[in-house]
PDB file of N, CA and C in Angstrom:
ATOM      1  N   MET A   1     -18.625   0.304   6.105  1.00  0.00           N
ATOM      2  CA  MET A   1     -17.761   1.481   6.323  1.00  0.00           C
ATOM      3  C   MET A   1     -16.535   1.239   6.737  1.00  0.00           C
ATOM      4  N   ILE A   2     -16.334   0.612   7.867  1.00  0.00           N
ATOM      5  CA  ILE A   2     -15.101   0.106   8.387  1.00  0.00           C
ATOM      6  C   ILE A   2     -14.360  -0.782   7.601  1.00  0.00           C
ATOM      7  N   TYR A   3     -15.073  -1.542   6.917  1.00  0.00           N
ATOM      8  CA  TYR A   3     -14.275  -2.505   6.036  1.00  0.00           C
ATOM      9  C   TYR A   3     -13.929  -1.724   4.879  1.00  0.00           C
ATOM     10  N   PHE A   4     -14.521  -0.820   4.387  1.00  0.00           N
ATOM     11  CA  PHE A   4     -13.934   0.036   3.326  1.00  0.00           C
ATOM     12  C   PHE A   4     -12.820   0.847   3.608  1.00  0.00           C
ATOM     13  N   ILE A   5     -12.742   1.311   4.919  1.00  0.00           N
ATOM     14  CA  ILE A   5     -11.490   2.139   5.286  1.00  0.00           C
ATOM     15  C   ILE A   5     -10.376   1.198   5.475  1.00  0.00           C
ATOM     16  N   PHE A   6     -10.706  -0.027   5.916  1.00  0.00           N
ATOM     17  CA  PHE A   6      -9.703  -1.074   6.331  1.00  0.00           C
ATOM     18  C   PHE A   6      -9.065  -1.371   4.804  1.00  0.00           C
ATOM     19  N   LEU A   7      -9.998  -1.539   3.896  1.00  0.00           N
ATOM     20  CA  LEU A   7      -9.452  -1.993   2.414  1.00  0.00           C
ATOM     21  C   LEU A   7      -8.649  -0.998   2.036  1.00  0.00           C
ATOM     22  N   LYS A   8      -9.022   0.176   2.045  1.00  0.00           N
ATOM     23  CA  LYS A   8      -8.296   1.335   1.387  1.00  0.00           C
ATOM     24  C   LYS A   8      -6.882   1.356   2.182  1.00  0.00           C
ATOM     25  N   PHE A   9      -6.900   1.448   3.471  1.00  0.00           N
ATOM     26  CA  PHE A   9      -5.521   1.363   4.227  1.00  0.00           C
ATOM     27  C   PHE A   9      -4.755   0.337   3.728  1.00  0.00           C
ATOM     28  N   TYR A  10      -5.262  -0.952   3.316  1.00  0.00           N
ATOM     29  CA  TYR A  10      -4.519  -2.216   2.991  1.00  0.00           C
ATOM     30  C   TYR A  10      -3.845  -1.805   1.687  1.00  0.00           C
ATOM     31  N   LEU A  11      -4.776  -1.317   0.740  1.00  0.00           N
ATOM     32  CA  LEU A  11      -4.192  -0.955  -0.683  1.00  0.00           C
ATOM     33  C   LEU A  11      -3.148  -0.061  -0.652  1.00  0.00           C
ATOM     34  N   TRP A  12      -3.289   1.115   0.216  1.00  0.00           N
ATOM     35  CA  TRP A  12      -2.343   2.173   0.223  1.00  0.00           C
ATOM     36  C   TRP A  12      -0.999   1.629   0.857  1.00  0.00           C
ATOM     37  N   ASN A  13      -0.992   0.820   1.903  1.00  0.00           N
ATOM     38  CA  ASN A  13       0.031   0.161   2.257  1.00  0.00           C
ATOM     39  C   ASN A  13       0.806  -0.679   1.288  1.00  0.00           C
ATOM     40  N   SER A  14       0.086  -1.590   0.614  1.00  0.00           N
ATOM     41  CA  SER A  14       0.679  -2.140  -0.560  1.00  0.00           C
ATOM     42  C   SER A  14       1.403  -1.359  -1.579  1.00  0.00           C
ATOM     43  N   PHE A  15       0.727  -0.243  -1.813  1.00  0.00           N
ATOM     44  CA  PHE A  15       1.276   0.627  -2.874  1.00  0.00           C
ATOM     45  C   PHE A  15       2.736   1.256  -2.225  1.00  0.00           C
ATOM     46  N   GLU A  16       2.606   1.738  -1.159  1.00  0.00           N
ATOM     47  CA  GLU A  16       3.667   2.287  -0.434  1.00  0.00           C
ATOM     48  C   GLU A  16       4.999   1.166  -0.356  1.00  0.00           C
ATOM     49  N   PHE A  17       4.633  -0.013  -0.107  1.00  0.00           N
ATOM     50  CA  PHE A  17       5.520  -1.168  -0.008  1.00  0.00           C
ATOM     51  C   PHE A  17       6.229  -1.341  -1.448  1.00  0.00           C
ATOM     52  N   GLN A  18       5.233  -1.316  -2.389  1.00  0.00           N
ATOM     53  CA  GLN A  18       5.689  -1.660  -3.834  1.00  0.00           C
ATOM     54  C   GLN A  18       6.637  -0.453  -4.264  1.00  0.00           C
ATOM     55  N   MET A  19       6.423   0.851  -3.924  1.00  0.00           N
ATOM     56  CA  MET A  19       7.156   1.799  -4.319  1.00  0.00           C
ATOM     57  C   MET A  19       8.450   1.720  -3.617  1.00  0.00           C
ATOM     58  N   MET A  20       8.477   1.184  -2.310  1.00  0.00           N
ATOM     59  CA  MET A  20       9.718   1.274  -1.666  1.00  0.00           C
ATOM     60  C   MET A  20      10.526   0.235  -2.460  1.00  0.00           C
ATOM     61  N   ASN A  21       9.993  -0.877  -2.707  1.00  0.00           N
ATOM     62  CA  ASN A  21      10.945  -1.964  -3.339  1.00  0.00           C
ATOM     63  C   ASN A  21      11.308  -1.512  -4.533  1.00  0.00           C
ATOM     64  N   THR A  22      10.588  -0.855  -5.477  1.00  0.00           N
ATOM     65  CA  THR A  22      11.066  -0.337  -6.784  1.00  0.00           C
ATOM     66  C   THR A  22      12.135   0.745  -6.455  1.00  0.00           C
ATOM     67  N   ASN A  23      12.181   1.475  -5.572  1.00  0.00           N
ATOM     68  CA  ASN A  23      13.196   2.422  -5.119  1.00  0.00           C
ATOM     69  C   ASN A  23      14.488   1.650  -4.821  1.00  0.00           C
ATOM     70  N   ILE A  24      14.393   0.728  -4.031  1.00  0.00           N
ATOM     71  CA  ILE A  24      15.513  -0.069  -3.658  1.00  0.00           C
ATOM     72  C   ILE A  24      16.196  -0.855  -5.009  1.00  0.00           C
ATOM     73  N   PHE A  25      15.227  -1.372  -5.721  1.00  0.00           N
ATOM     74  CA  PHE A  25      15.840  -2.155  -6.963  1.00  0.00           C
ATOM     75  C   PHE A  25      16.252  -1.122  -7.850  1.00  0.00           C
ATOM     76  N   LEU A  26      15.773  -0.083  -8.129  1.00  0.00           N
ATOM     77  CA  LEU A  26      16.292   1.034  -8.944  1.00  0.00           C
ATOM     78  C   LEU A  26      17.607   1.672  -8.403  1.00  0.00           C
TER      79      LEU A  26
END
């Protein structure tokens, strides 16, 4: 359960980081 939350949190941060990079490049 904790591992699942950690994985979800990690994926969400990666998504946020990618969107931020896209906004900077655009």
